[in-house]
N, C-alpha and C. Protein backbone atom coordinates (compact mmCIF):
# COMPACT_ATOMS: atom_id res chain seq x y z
N UNK A 1 -5.56 10.49 3.08
CA UNK A 1 -4.50 10.71 3.64
C UNK A 1 -3.60 9.59 3.60
N UNK A 2 -2.22 9.79 3.56
CA UNK A 2 -1.45 8.87 3.70
C UNK A 2 -0.72 8.78 4.50
N UNK A 3 -1.03 7.39 5.12
CA UNK A 3 -0.39 6.60 6.18
C UNK A 3 0.81 5.89 5.86
N UNK A 4 2.04 7.12 6.46
CA UNK A 4 3.21 6.87 6.18
C UNK A 4 4.12 7.68 6.74
N UNK A 5 5.78 7.52 6.39
CA UNK A 5 6.67 8.74 7.09
C UNK A 5 7.72 8.90 6.12
N UNK A 6 7.31 7.69 5.07
CA UNK A 6 8.63 7.64 3.95
C UNK A 6 8.35 9.67 3.57
N UNK A 7 8.73 10.00 3.18
CA UNK A 7 9.66 10.99 1.89
C UNK A 7 9.45 10.89 0.70
N UNK A 8 10.01 9.59 0.36
CA UNK A 8 9.81 9.62 -0.63
C UNK A 8 8.30 8.75 -1.17
N UNK A 9 7.19 8.27 -0.81
CA UNK A 9 5.82 8.57 -1.02
C UNK A 9 5.41 9.77 -1.20
N UNK A 10 5.82 10.06 -0.52
CA UNK A 10 5.24 12.02 -0.69
C UNK A 10 5.55 12.51 -1.61
N UNK A 11 6.79 11.88 -1.58
CA UNK A 11 7.79 13.09 -3.24
C UNK A 11 6.25 13.19 -4.65
N UNK A 12 6.47 10.75 -4.52
CA UNK A 12 5.80 10.06 -5.85
C UNK A 12 4.20 10.96 -5.86
N UNK A 13 3.33 10.67 -4.53
CA UNK A 13 2.17 11.36 -4.62
C UNK A 13 2.29 12.88 -5.20
N UNK A 14 2.81 13.33 -4.39
CA UNK A 14 3.01 14.04 -5.46
C UNK A 14 3.86 15.35 -6.65
N UNK A 15 4.36 14.38 -7.16
CA UNK A 15 4.67 14.67 -8.59
C UNK A 15 2.82 14.24 -9.24
N UNK A 16 2.86 13.16 -8.61
CA UNK A 16 1.24 12.50 -9.44
C UNK A 16 0.00 13.63 -9.34
N UNK A 17 0.44 15.07 -9.01
CA UNK A 17 -0.69 15.91 -8.09
C UNK A 17 -1.32 15.30 -7.03
N UNK A 18 -1.49 14.25 -6.56
CA UNK A 18 -2.11 14.16 -5.58
C UNK A 18 -2.49 14.94 -4.41
N UNK A 19 -4.14 15.49 -3.95
CA UNK A 19 -3.29 16.10 -2.99
C UNK A 19 -4.14 15.21 -1.91
N UNK A 20 -2.79 15.30 -0.81
CA UNK A 20 -2.99 14.40 0.34
C UNK A 20 -2.77 15.06 1.83
N UNK A 21 -2.67 14.51 3.03
CA UNK A 21 -2.72 15.01 4.30
C UNK A 21 -1.57 13.38 4.34
N UNK A 22 -1.16 13.93 5.12
CA UNK A 22 0.03 11.88 5.61
C UNK A 22 -0.43 12.40 7.73
N UNK A 23 -0.81 11.06 7.86
CA UNK A 23 -0.74 10.59 9.02
C UNK A 23 -0.08 9.40 9.39
N UNK A 24 0.81 9.52 9.80
CA UNK A 24 1.81 8.44 10.68
C UNK A 24 1.22 6.53 10.65
N UNK A 25 0.80 5.35 10.70
CA UNK A 25 0.60 5.15 11.63
C UNK A 25 1.86 4.33 12.02
N UNK A 26 1.17 4.02 13.51
CA UNK A 26 2.66 3.19 14.48
C UNK A 26 2.39 1.90 14.68
N UNK A 27 1.49 1.04 13.58
CA UNK A 27 1.77 -0.76 14.48
C UNK A 27 3.17 -1.12 14.45
N UNK A 28 3.03 -2.21 15.33
CA UNK A 28 4.07 -2.84 15.06
C UNK A 28 4.52 -3.81 13.97
N UNK A 29 5.60 -3.28 13.04
CA UNK A 29 5.96 -4.07 11.97
C UNK A 29 6.58 -5.64 11.62
N UNK A 30 6.68 -6.01 13.02
CA UNK A 30 7.38 -7.21 13.58
C UNK A 30 6.15 -8.52 12.72
N UNK A 31 7.24 -9.20 12.23
CA UNK A 31 6.94 -10.74 11.71
C UNK A 31 6.22 -11.36 12.43
N UNK A 32 5.05 -12.11 11.77
CA UNK A 32 4.52 -13.27 12.88
C UNK A 32 4.83 -14.51 12.20
N UNK A 33 4.78 -15.42 13.28
CA UNK A 33 5.39 -16.48 12.86
C UNK A 33 4.99 -17.89 12.09
N UNK A 34 5.68 -18.25 11.43
CA UNK A 34 5.67 -18.21 10.05
C UNK A 34 4.85 -17.85 8.42
N UNK A 35 4.89 -16.48 8.71
CA UNK A 35 4.00 -16.16 7.79
C UNK A 35 5.21 -15.42 6.66
N UNK A 36 4.42 -15.98 5.52
CA UNK A 36 5.55 -15.52 3.65
C UNK A 36 5.94 -14.03 3.79
N UNK A 37 6.09 -13.46 2.81
CA UNK A 37 7.20 -12.08 3.05
C UNK A 37 5.82 -11.70 2.51
N UNK A 38 5.02 -12.71 0.89
CA UNK A 38 3.93 -10.80 0.27
C UNK A 38 2.79 -10.87 1.20
N UNK A 39 2.67 -12.46 2.33
CA UNK A 39 1.56 -11.91 3.49
C UNK A 39 1.38 -11.63 4.20
N UNK A 40 3.09 -10.70 4.34
CA UNK A 40 3.14 -9.71 5.68
C UNK A 40 2.86 -8.64 4.57
N UNK A 41 3.73 -8.33 3.57
CA UNK A 41 3.72 -6.85 2.99
C UNK A 41 2.17 -6.57 3.49
N UNK A 42 1.36 -7.32 2.22
CA UNK A 42 0.21 -7.24 2.61
C UNK A 42 -0.74 -6.89 3.62
N UNK A 43 -0.55 -7.60 4.42
CA UNK A 43 -1.17 -7.33 5.70
C UNK A 43 -0.39 -5.87 6.47
N UNK A 44 0.38 -6.30 6.90
CA UNK A 44 1.25 -4.31 7.14
C UNK A 44 0.91 -3.11 6.64
N UNK A 45 0.86 -3.11 5.07
CA UNK A 45 -0.50 -2.41 4.30
C UNK A 45 -2.15 -1.89 5.51
N UNK A 46 -2.04 -3.24 4.91
CA UNK A 46 -3.60 -3.99 6.09
C UNK A 46 -3.70 -2.77 7.37
N UNK A 47 -3.13 -3.09 8.52
CA UNK A 47 -2.51 -2.50 9.39
C UNK A 47 -2.40 -0.94 9.04
N UNK A 48 -1.75 -1.14 9.28
CA UNK A 48 -1.13 0.37 8.53
C UNK A 48 -2.65 1.04 8.26
N UNK A 49 -3.32 0.64 7.07
CA UNK A 49 -4.63 1.96 6.84
C UNK A 49 -5.76 2.03 7.41
N UNK A 50 -5.73 0.55 7.89
CA UNK A 50 -7.07 0.03 9.33
C UNK A 50 -6.75 1.10 10.36
N UNK A 51 -5.24 1.21 11.35
CA UNK A 51 -4.60 2.40 12.57
C UNK A 51 -4.97 3.15 12.53
N UNK A 52 -4.55 3.86 10.90
CA UNK A 52 -4.81 5.48 10.96
C UNK A 52 -6.45 6.00 10.13
N UNK A 53 -7.29 4.68 10.09
CA UNK A 53 -8.49 4.59 9.50
C UNK A 53 -9.20 5.04 10.89
N UNK A 54 -8.58 4.52 11.83
CA UNK A 54 -9.32 3.88 13.46
C UNK A 54 -9.12 5.28 13.90
N UNK A 55 -8.35 6.18 13.70
CA UNK A 55 -7.62 7.47 14.38
C UNK A 55 -8.77 8.58 14.34
N UNK A 56 -9.02 7.98 12.64
CA UNK A 56 -9.74 9.41 11.37
C UNK A 56 -11.52 9.34 11.59
N UNK A 57 -11.53 7.51 12.61
CA UNK A 57 -13.62 7.95 12.43
C UNK A 57 -14.45 9.26 12.85
N UNK A 58 -13.45 10.04 12.89
CA UNK A 58 -14.38 11.55 13.29
C UNK A 58 -14.44 12.39 12.29
N UNK A 59 -13.35 12.69 11.63
CA UNK A 59 -12.92 13.86 10.20
C UNK A 59 -14.50 13.55 10.01
N UNK A 60 -14.43 14.52 10.24
CA UNK A 60 -15.26 15.68 9.06
C UNK A 60 -15.68 15.05 7.52
N UNK A 61 -14.23 15.47 7.04
CA UNK A 61 -14.48 15.10 5.80
C UNK A 61 -14.02 14.33 4.64
N UNK A 62 -14.22 12.73 6.04
CA UNK A 62 -13.76 11.20 5.36
C UNK A 62 -13.19 11.05 4.12
N UNK A 63 -11.63 11.15 3.84
CA UNK A 63 -10.47 11.06 3.59
C UNK A 63 -10.23 10.03 3.42
N UNK A 64 -10.12 8.80 2.17
CA UNK A 64 -9.47 7.71 2.13
C UNK A 64 -8.46 7.28 3.12
N UNK A 65 -7.84 6.39 3.61
CA UNK A 65 -6.45 6.14 4.28
C UNK A 65 -5.60 5.25 2.61
N UNK A 66 -5.17 5.49 2.85
CA UNK A 66 -3.69 5.24 1.77
C UNK A 66 -2.47 4.27 2.06
N UNK A 67 -2.03 3.50 2.48
CA UNK A 67 -0.91 2.84 3.15
C UNK A 67 0.18 1.97 2.22
N UNK A 68 0.77 1.87 2.42
CA UNK A 68 1.91 0.96 1.00
C UNK A 68 3.16 0.51 2.42
N UNK A 69 3.66 -0.58 1.69
CA UNK A 69 4.77 -1.38 3.27
C UNK A 69 5.50 -1.69 1.83
N UNK A 70 6.84 -2.18 1.95
CA UNK A 70 7.76 -2.45 1.14
C UNK A 70 8.79 -3.33 1.39
N UNK A 71 9.13 -4.21 0.93
CA UNK A 71 10.11 -4.46 1.28
C UNK A 71 11.31 -5.37 0.36
N UNK A 72 12.25 -6.37 0.12
CA UNK A 72 13.28 -6.69 -0.33
C UNK A 72 13.48 -8.48 -0.45
N UNK A 73 13.58 -9.21 -1.36
CA UNK A 73 13.27 -10.54 -1.50
C UNK A 73 14.23 -10.68 -2.08
N UNK A 74 15.47 -12.10 -1.27
CA UNK A 74 16.40 -12.72 -1.86
C UNK A 74 16.31 -14.33 -1.19
N UNK A 75 16.98 -14.95 -2.30
CA UNK A 75 16.38 -16.46 -1.94
C UNK A 75 15.69 -16.95 -0.82
N UNK A 76 14.23 -15.97 -0.82
CA UNK A 76 13.49 -16.58 0.15
C UNK A 76 14.01 -15.61 1.88
N UNK A 77 15.04 -14.55 1.44
CA UNK A 77 14.72 -13.92 2.90
C UNK A 77 14.00 -12.82 2.84
N UNK A 78 13.49 -12.10 3.59
CA UNK A 78 13.25 -10.54 3.20
C UNK A 78 14.57 -10.37 4.00
N UNK A 79 14.45 -8.80 3.37
CA UNK A 79 15.32 -7.27 3.99
C UNK A 79 15.11 -6.36 3.61
N UNK A 80 14.55 -5.91 4.99
CA UNK A 80 13.78 -5.27 5.78
C UNK A 80 15.01 -3.49 5.44
N UNK A 81 14.46 -3.07 6.98
CA UNK A 81 16.07 -1.90 7.25
C UNK A 81 17.06 -2.45 7.95
N UNK A 82 17.96 -1.76 7.78
CA UNK A 82 18.73 -2.43 7.95
C UNK A 82 19.35 -1.79 9.84
N UNK A 83 19.01 -3.18 10.42
CA UNK A 83 20.03 -1.81 12.17
C UNK A 83 21.12 -1.26 11.98
N UNK A 84 21.90 -1.61 11.56
CA UNK A 84 23.16 -1.04 11.98
C UNK A 84 24.38 -0.92 10.25
N UNK A 85 25.28 -0.11 10.04
CA UNK A 85 26.01 -0.12 9.46
C UNK A 85 26.66 -1.51 8.63
N UNK A 86 26.70 -2.16 9.61
CA UNK A 86 26.88 -3.93 9.63
C UNK A 86 26.20 -4.28 8.54
N UNK A 87 24.54 -4.27 8.71
CA UNK A 87 24.13 -4.75 8.66
C UNK A 87 23.56 -5.00 6.68
N UNK A 88 24.31 -3.68 7.00
CA UNK A 88 23.58 -2.88 5.19
C UNK A 88 24.18 -3.22 4.62
N UNK A 89 25.87 -3.59 5.24
CA UNK A 89 27.06 -4.16 3.60
C UNK A 89 26.49 -5.48 3.86
N UNK A 90 26.28 -6.72 4.81
CA UNK A 90 25.80 -8.01 4.62
C UNK A 90 25.36 -8.06 4.12
N UNK A 91 23.60 -6.92 3.59
CA UNK A 91 22.65 -7.16 2.49
C UNK A 91 23.08 -6.89 1.08
N UNK A 92 23.81 -5.27 1.01
CA UNK A 92 24.88 -5.30 0.25
C UNK A 92 25.15 -6.52 -0.78
N UNK A 93 26.09 -6.77 -0.08
CA UNK A 93 26.88 -7.71 -0.30
C UNK A 93 26.37 -9.07 -0.79
N UNK A 94 25.24 -9.71 -0.52
CA UNK A 94 24.20 -10.40 -0.66
C UNK A 94 23.70 -9.67 -1.54
N UNK A 95 23.21 -9.11 -2.09
CA UNK A 95 22.54 -8.87 -3.16
C UNK A 95 23.69 -8.35 -4.48
N UNK A 96 25.19 -8.56 -4.83
CA UNK A 96 25.55 -7.66 -5.21
C UNK A 96 25.61 -9.13 -6.93
N UNK A 97 25.81 -8.49 -7.95
CA UNK A 97 25.56 -9.66 -8.89
C UNK A 97 24.73 -10.30 -9.32
N UNK A 98 22.73 -9.80 -8.20
CA UNK A 98 22.34 -10.93 -8.59
C UNK A 98 21.07 -10.03 -8.86
N UNK A 99 19.64 -11.02 -9.04
CA UNK A 99 18.56 -10.53 -9.19
C UNK A 99 17.90 -10.58 -7.28
N UNK A 100 16.72 -9.66 -7.16
CA UNK A 100 16.21 -10.15 -6.32
C UNK A 100 14.88 -8.66 -6.42
N UNK A 101 14.22 -9.15 -5.82
CA UNK A 101 12.18 -9.14 -5.64
C UNK A 101 12.05 -8.02 -4.72
N UNK A 102 11.70 -6.55 -5.01
CA UNK A 102 10.78 -5.79 -4.70
C UNK A 102 9.30 -6.28 -4.51
N UNK A 103 9.16 -5.87 -3.21
CA UNK A 103 7.10 -6.01 -3.52
C UNK A 103 6.54 -5.09 -2.03
N UNK A 104 5.68 -3.92 -3.25
CA UNK A 104 5.08 -2.99 -2.13
C UNK A 104 3.70 -3.44 -1.94
N UNK A 105 2.98 -3.35 -0.82
CA UNK A 105 1.20 -3.46 -0.83
C UNK A 105 1.23 -2.09 -0.64
N UNK A 106 -0.03 -1.96 -1.49
CA UNK A 106 -1.05 -1.17 -0.54
C UNK A 106 -2.16 -0.98 -0.33
N UNK A 107 -2.84 -0.59 0.43
CA UNK A 107 -4.26 -0.90 1.20
C UNK A 107 -4.87 0.49 1.16
N UNK A 108 -6.05 0.89 0.76
CA UNK A 108 -6.98 2.13 0.42
C UNK A 108 -8.24 1.83 0.93
N UNK A 109 -8.35 2.49 2.25
CA UNK A 109 -10.20 2.11 2.82
C UNK A 109 -10.33 3.52 2.77
N UNK A 110 -12.05 3.85 3.02
CA UNK A 110 -12.31 5.09 3.05
C UNK A 110 -12.82 5.39 4.60
N UNK A 111 -12.74 6.91 4.98
CA UNK A 111 -13.21 6.43 6.68
C UNK A 111 -14.99 6.82 6.11
N UNK A 112 -15.18 6.12 7.22
CA UNK A 112 -16.89 6.30 7.19
C UNK A 112 -17.94 5.37 5.95
N UNK A 113 -17.33 4.93 5.00
CA UNK A 113 -17.26 3.62 4.02
C UNK A 113 -17.52 2.59 4.65
N UNK A 114 -17.18 1.75 3.38
CA UNK A 114 -17.07 0.72 3.42
C UNK A 114 -15.72 -0.41 2.56
N UNK A 115 -15.58 0.65 1.69
CA UNK A 115 -14.95 1.04 0.67
C UNK A 115 -13.25 0.02 1.34
N UNK A 116 -12.73 -0.76 0.91
CA UNK A 116 -11.18 -1.17 0.25
C UNK A 116 -11.00 -2.05 -0.33
N UNK A 117 -9.60 -1.82 -0.47
CA UNK A 117 -8.62 -1.86 -1.98
C UNK A 117 -7.28 -2.64 -1.35
N UNK A 118 -6.80 -3.29 -2.40
CA UNK A 118 -5.77 -3.34 -1.78
C UNK A 118 -5.25 -4.47 -3.27
N UNK A 119 -3.21 -3.93 -2.49
CA UNK A 119 -2.54 -4.78 -4.43
C UNK A 119 -1.34 -4.48 -3.68
N UNK A 120 -0.65 -5.73 -4.41
CA UNK A 120 0.74 -5.85 -4.37
C UNK A 120 1.38 -6.16 -5.69
N UNK A 121 2.42 -5.12 -5.54
CA UNK A 121 3.35 -5.23 -7.33
C UNK A 121 4.39 -5.38 -6.56
N UNK A 122 5.06 -6.35 -7.23
CA UNK A 122 7.01 -7.47 -7.00
C UNK A 122 7.74 -6.81 -8.77
N UNK A 123 8.38 -5.90 -8.81
CA UNK A 123 9.52 -5.51 -9.37
C UNK A 123 10.82 -5.73 -9.49
N UNK A 124 11.68 -6.80 -10.82
CA UNK A 124 12.92 -8.05 -10.12
C UNK A 124 14.01 -6.36 -10.28
N UNK A 125 14.50 -6.61 -9.51
CA UNK A 125 15.97 -5.43 -9.28
C UNK A 125 17.17 -6.42 -9.51
N UNK A 126 18.64 -6.54 -10.89
CA UNK A 126 20.08 -6.69 -10.80
C UNK A 126 20.36 -6.51 -10.49
N UNK A 127 21.32 -6.49 -9.62
CA UNK A 127 22.63 -5.53 -8.47
C UNK A 127 23.42 -5.63 -9.64
N UNK A 128 23.94 -4.99 -9.90
CA UNK A 128 25.89 -5.17 -10.40
C UNK A 128 26.98 -6.11 -10.16
N UNK A 129 27.75 -6.53 -10.38
CA UNK A 129 28.50 -7.02 -8.87
C UNK A 129 29.40 -5.80 -8.23
N UNK A 130 29.67 -5.87 -7.30
CA UNK A 130 30.52 -5.36 -6.48
C UNK A 130 31.65 -5.61 -5.75
N UNK A 131 32.36 -5.14 -5.16
CA UNK A 131 32.77 -5.73 -4.22
C UNK A 131 32.28 -4.88 -2.66
N UNK A 132 33.49 -5.76 -1.30
CA UNK A 132 33.13 -5.02 -0.45
C UNK A 132 33.53 -3.45 -0.14
N UNK A 133 34.58 -2.96 -0.48
CA UNK A 133 34.63 -1.41 -0.89
C UNK A 133 33.62 -0.73 -1.55
N UNK A 134 33.41 -1.75 -2.11
CA UNK A 134 31.44 -0.58 -2.49
C UNK A 134 30.97 -0.41 -1.93
N UNK A 135 30.55 -1.50 -1.25
CA UNK A 135 29.37 -2.10 -0.22
C UNK A 135 30.33 -0.49 1.29
N UNK A 136 31.06 -0.77 1.21
CA UNK A 136 30.95 0.15 1.90
C UNK A 136 30.84 1.36 2.26
N UNK A 137 31.73 2.22 1.35
CA UNK A 137 31.66 2.89 0.65
C UNK A 137 30.17 3.29 0.47
N UNK A 138 29.35 2.74 -0.65
CA UNK A 138 27.59 3.43 -0.42
C UNK A 138 27.27 3.43 1.08
N UNK A 139 27.86 2.01 2.18
CA UNK A 139 26.80 2.32 4.22
C UNK A 139 27.12 3.89 4.09
N UNK A 140 28.84 4.20 3.84
CA UNK A 140 29.24 5.66 4.50
C UNK A 140 28.34 6.20 4.01
N UNK A 141 27.77 6.10 3.19
CA UNK A 141 26.78 7.48 2.39
C UNK A 141 26.05 7.77 3.19
N UNK A 142 24.96 6.66 4.08
CA UNK A 142 24.16 7.01 4.93
C UNK A 142 22.44 6.68 4.16
N UNK A 143 22.54 6.71 2.89
CA UNK A 143 21.49 6.85 2.17
C UNK A 143 20.91 5.49 2.55
N UNK A 144 21.28 4.62 2.02
CA UNK A 144 20.41 3.38 2.72
C UNK A 144 19.41 3.02 3.61
N UNK A 145 20.10 3.42 4.69
CA UNK A 145 20.31 3.85 5.87
C UNK A 145 18.49 3.22 6.44
N UNK A 146 17.81 3.96 6.33
CA UNK A 146 15.77 3.53 5.76
C UNK A 146 15.65 3.13 5.31
N UNK A 147 15.75 2.09 4.92
CA UNK A 147 15.06 1.23 3.19
C UNK A 147 15.63 0.21 3.42
N UNK A 148 14.20 -0.21 2.52
CA UNK A 148 14.32 -1.96 2.51
C UNK A 148 16.11 -2.25 1.91
N UNK A 149 16.01 -3.26 2.44
CA UNK A 149 17.66 -3.63 1.40
C UNK A 149 18.37 -3.53 1.35
N UNK A 150 18.64 -1.49 1.73
CA UNK A 150 19.74 -0.79 2.82
C UNK A 150 20.23 -0.52 1.57
N UNK A 151 19.00 0.29 0.18
CA UNK A 151 19.72 1.37 -1.14
C UNK A 151 18.48 1.56 -1.20
N UNK A 152 19.33 3.08 -2.35
CA UNK A 152 17.79 3.91 -3.01
C UNK A 152 18.35 3.62 -4.07
N UNK A 153 17.23 3.74 -4.58
CA UNK A 153 17.07 3.31 -6.24
C UNK A 153 17.57 5.38 -6.80
N UNK A 154 16.52 5.78 -6.16
CA UNK A 154 16.74 7.06 -6.47
C UNK A 154 17.55 8.32 -6.71
N UNK A 155 18.56 7.86 -5.91
CA UNK A 155 19.80 8.01 -5.03
C UNK A 155 20.71 7.64 -6.02
N UNK A 156 22.43 7.32 -5.35
CA UNK A 156 24.16 7.06 -5.04
C UNK A 156 23.43 5.60 -5.63
N UNK A 157 22.02 4.90 -4.98
CA UNK A 157 22.07 3.34 -5.29
C UNK A 157 21.38 3.34 -6.49
N UNK A 158 21.46 4.25 -7.44
CA UNK A 158 21.15 3.78 -8.97
C UNK A 158 22.55 3.79 -9.65
N UNK A 159 23.64 4.28 -8.95
CA UNK A 159 25.30 3.25 -9.21
C UNK A 159 25.41 1.64 -8.86
N UNK A 160 23.73 0.56 -8.36
CA UNK A 160 24.39 -0.44 -8.29
C UNK A 160 23.49 -1.09 -9.27
N UNK A 161 22.69 -0.01 -9.37
CA UNK A 161 21.74 -1.28 -10.19
C UNK A 161 21.84 -1.91 -11.62
N UNK A 162 22.15 -2.44 -12.67
CA UNK A 162 22.23 -3.45 -13.64
C UNK A 162 20.97 -3.25 -14.58
N UNK A 163 19.90 -3.69 -13.95
CA UNK A 163 18.64 -4.14 -14.51
C UNK A 163 17.69 -4.33 -13.68
N UNK A 164 16.44 -3.46 -14.61
CA UNK A 164 14.94 -3.56 -13.63
C UNK A 164 13.86 -3.72 -14.78
N UNK A 165 13.56 -4.91 -14.43
CA UNK A 165 12.52 -4.96 -15.03
C UNK A 165 10.41 -4.60 -14.32
N UNK A 166 10.46 -3.87 -14.45
CA UNK A 166 8.99 -3.45 -13.61
C UNK A 166 8.86 -2.38 -13.35
N UNK A 167 8.09 -1.79 -12.31
CA UNK A 167 8.24 -0.33 -11.75
C UNK A 167 9.26 -0.14 -10.92
N UNK A 168 9.59 1.12 -11.96
CA UNK A 168 10.77 1.41 -11.08
C UNK A 168 10.00 2.29 -9.69
N UNK A 169 8.95 2.78 -9.83
CA UNK A 169 8.67 3.29 -8.99
C UNK A 169 8.26 3.04 -7.46
N UNK A 170 7.96 1.59 -7.94
CA UNK A 170 7.67 0.59 -7.41
C UNK A 170 9.47 -0.19 -6.27
N UNK A 171 9.77 0.61 -7.14
CA UNK A 171 11.27 -0.08 -5.87
C UNK A 171 11.32 1.66 -5.32
N UNK A 172 11.16 2.65 -5.47
CA UNK A 172 11.36 3.43 -4.31
C UNK A 172 10.54 3.57 -2.96
N UNK A 173 8.97 2.38 -3.55
CA UNK A 173 8.54 2.71 -2.45
C UNK A 173 7.38 3.17 -2.23
N UNK A 174 6.76 3.84 -3.67
CA UNK A 174 5.20 3.61 -4.27
C UNK A 174 5.01 3.76 -5.72
N UNK A 175 4.29 2.37 -5.99
CA UNK A 175 4.31 2.20 -7.22
C UNK A 175 3.28 3.60 -8.01
N UNK A 176 3.82 4.16 -8.86
CA UNK A 176 3.25 5.22 -9.00
C UNK A 176 2.05 4.69 -9.78
N UNK A 177 1.68 4.55 -11.11
CA UNK A 177 0.33 3.81 -11.74
C UNK A 177 -0.36 3.54 -11.64
N UNK A 178 0.08 1.94 -10.65
CA UNK A 178 -1.07 1.06 -9.98
C UNK A 178 -1.40 1.89 -8.54
N UNK A 179 -0.66 3.26 -7.77
CA UNK A 179 -2.03 3.75 -6.85
C UNK A 179 -3.13 4.54 -7.23
N UNK A 180 -2.22 5.97 -9.00
CA UNK A 180 -3.59 5.83 -9.47
C UNK A 180 -4.50 5.32 -9.67
N UNK A 181 -4.14 3.59 -10.02
CA UNK A 181 -4.97 2.82 -10.46
C UNK A 181 -6.48 2.66 -9.17
N UNK A 182 -5.56 2.45 -8.46
CA UNK A 182 -6.41 1.94 -6.55
C UNK A 182 -7.22 3.35 -6.50
N UNK A 183 -7.06 4.82 -6.26
CA UNK A 183 -7.29 5.90 -6.21
C UNK A 183 -8.21 6.27 -7.58
N UNK A 184 -8.69 5.68 -8.55
CA UNK A 184 -9.75 5.71 -9.93
C UNK A 184 -10.46 4.92 -8.98
N UNK A 185 -10.28 3.36 -9.02
CA UNK A 185 -11.36 2.46 -8.52
C UNK A 185 -11.67 2.83 -7.28
N UNK A 186 -11.44 4.07 -6.61
CA UNK A 186 -11.72 4.29 -5.31
C UNK A 186 -12.76 5.64 -5.41
N UNK A 187 -12.82 6.23 -6.39
CA UNK A 187 -13.81 7.74 -6.70
C UNK A 187 -12.79 9.03 -5.94
N UNK A 188 -11.19 8.55 -5.88
CA UNK A 188 -10.66 9.34 -5.05
C UNK A 188 -10.53 11.01 -6.24
N UNK A 189 -10.14 9.50 -8.00
CA UNK A 189 -9.68 10.74 -7.79
C UNK A 189 -10.27 10.35 -9.79
N UNK A 190 -11.02 11.02 -10.26
CA UNK A 190 -11.92 10.97 -11.02
C UNK A 190 -11.24 10.68 -12.39
N UNK A 191 -10.32 11.90 -12.83
CA UNK A 191 -9.35 11.88 -13.93
C UNK A 191 -7.73 11.92 -14.07
N UNK A 192 -6.73 11.24 -14.72
CA UNK A 192 -5.84 12.03 -14.52
C UNK A 192 -5.19 12.39 -16.10
N UNK A 193 -4.56 13.17 -16.16
CA UNK A 193 -3.94 14.64 -15.24
C UNK A 193 -5.35 15.18 -14.53
């Protein structure tokens, strides 16, 4: 069971050949006072998994619940989804010509069992330098409106990225290799492919 509304996460799991259903978590995703980004992203993934897990206790098939949370970090500042187009433009201009980190936390739990596992993966991304006009045109495309850091590396946003160090699929929102390893450790998948 995938505890996420993200079409990108659904697409990556589907590309990997993993059979799943979707049940979206409804948790509050606000940061707690004094919470560091790495603790926040891990907590949110755990809480999403736990909330969906609690709704599935009576499920006969006893699925595992996979949840994820992704954030963008630069200068110690967490960039989530933009609140509006002006916020998206500010985020993009902050990232222009600089390296930022994309952090995704995964949490997996077994319905009706005690198995739990989690991980946090970080990928470094360097943007090319661009001007306000480029940022405005990208924002006007609408592509980054619902994405951490206001961009989609798998779309037009690829034209903003000069270099990546780490997992590409982590930047998209679900690190493929690490997700497969998590599912294999839990016994959800025996072999792949």
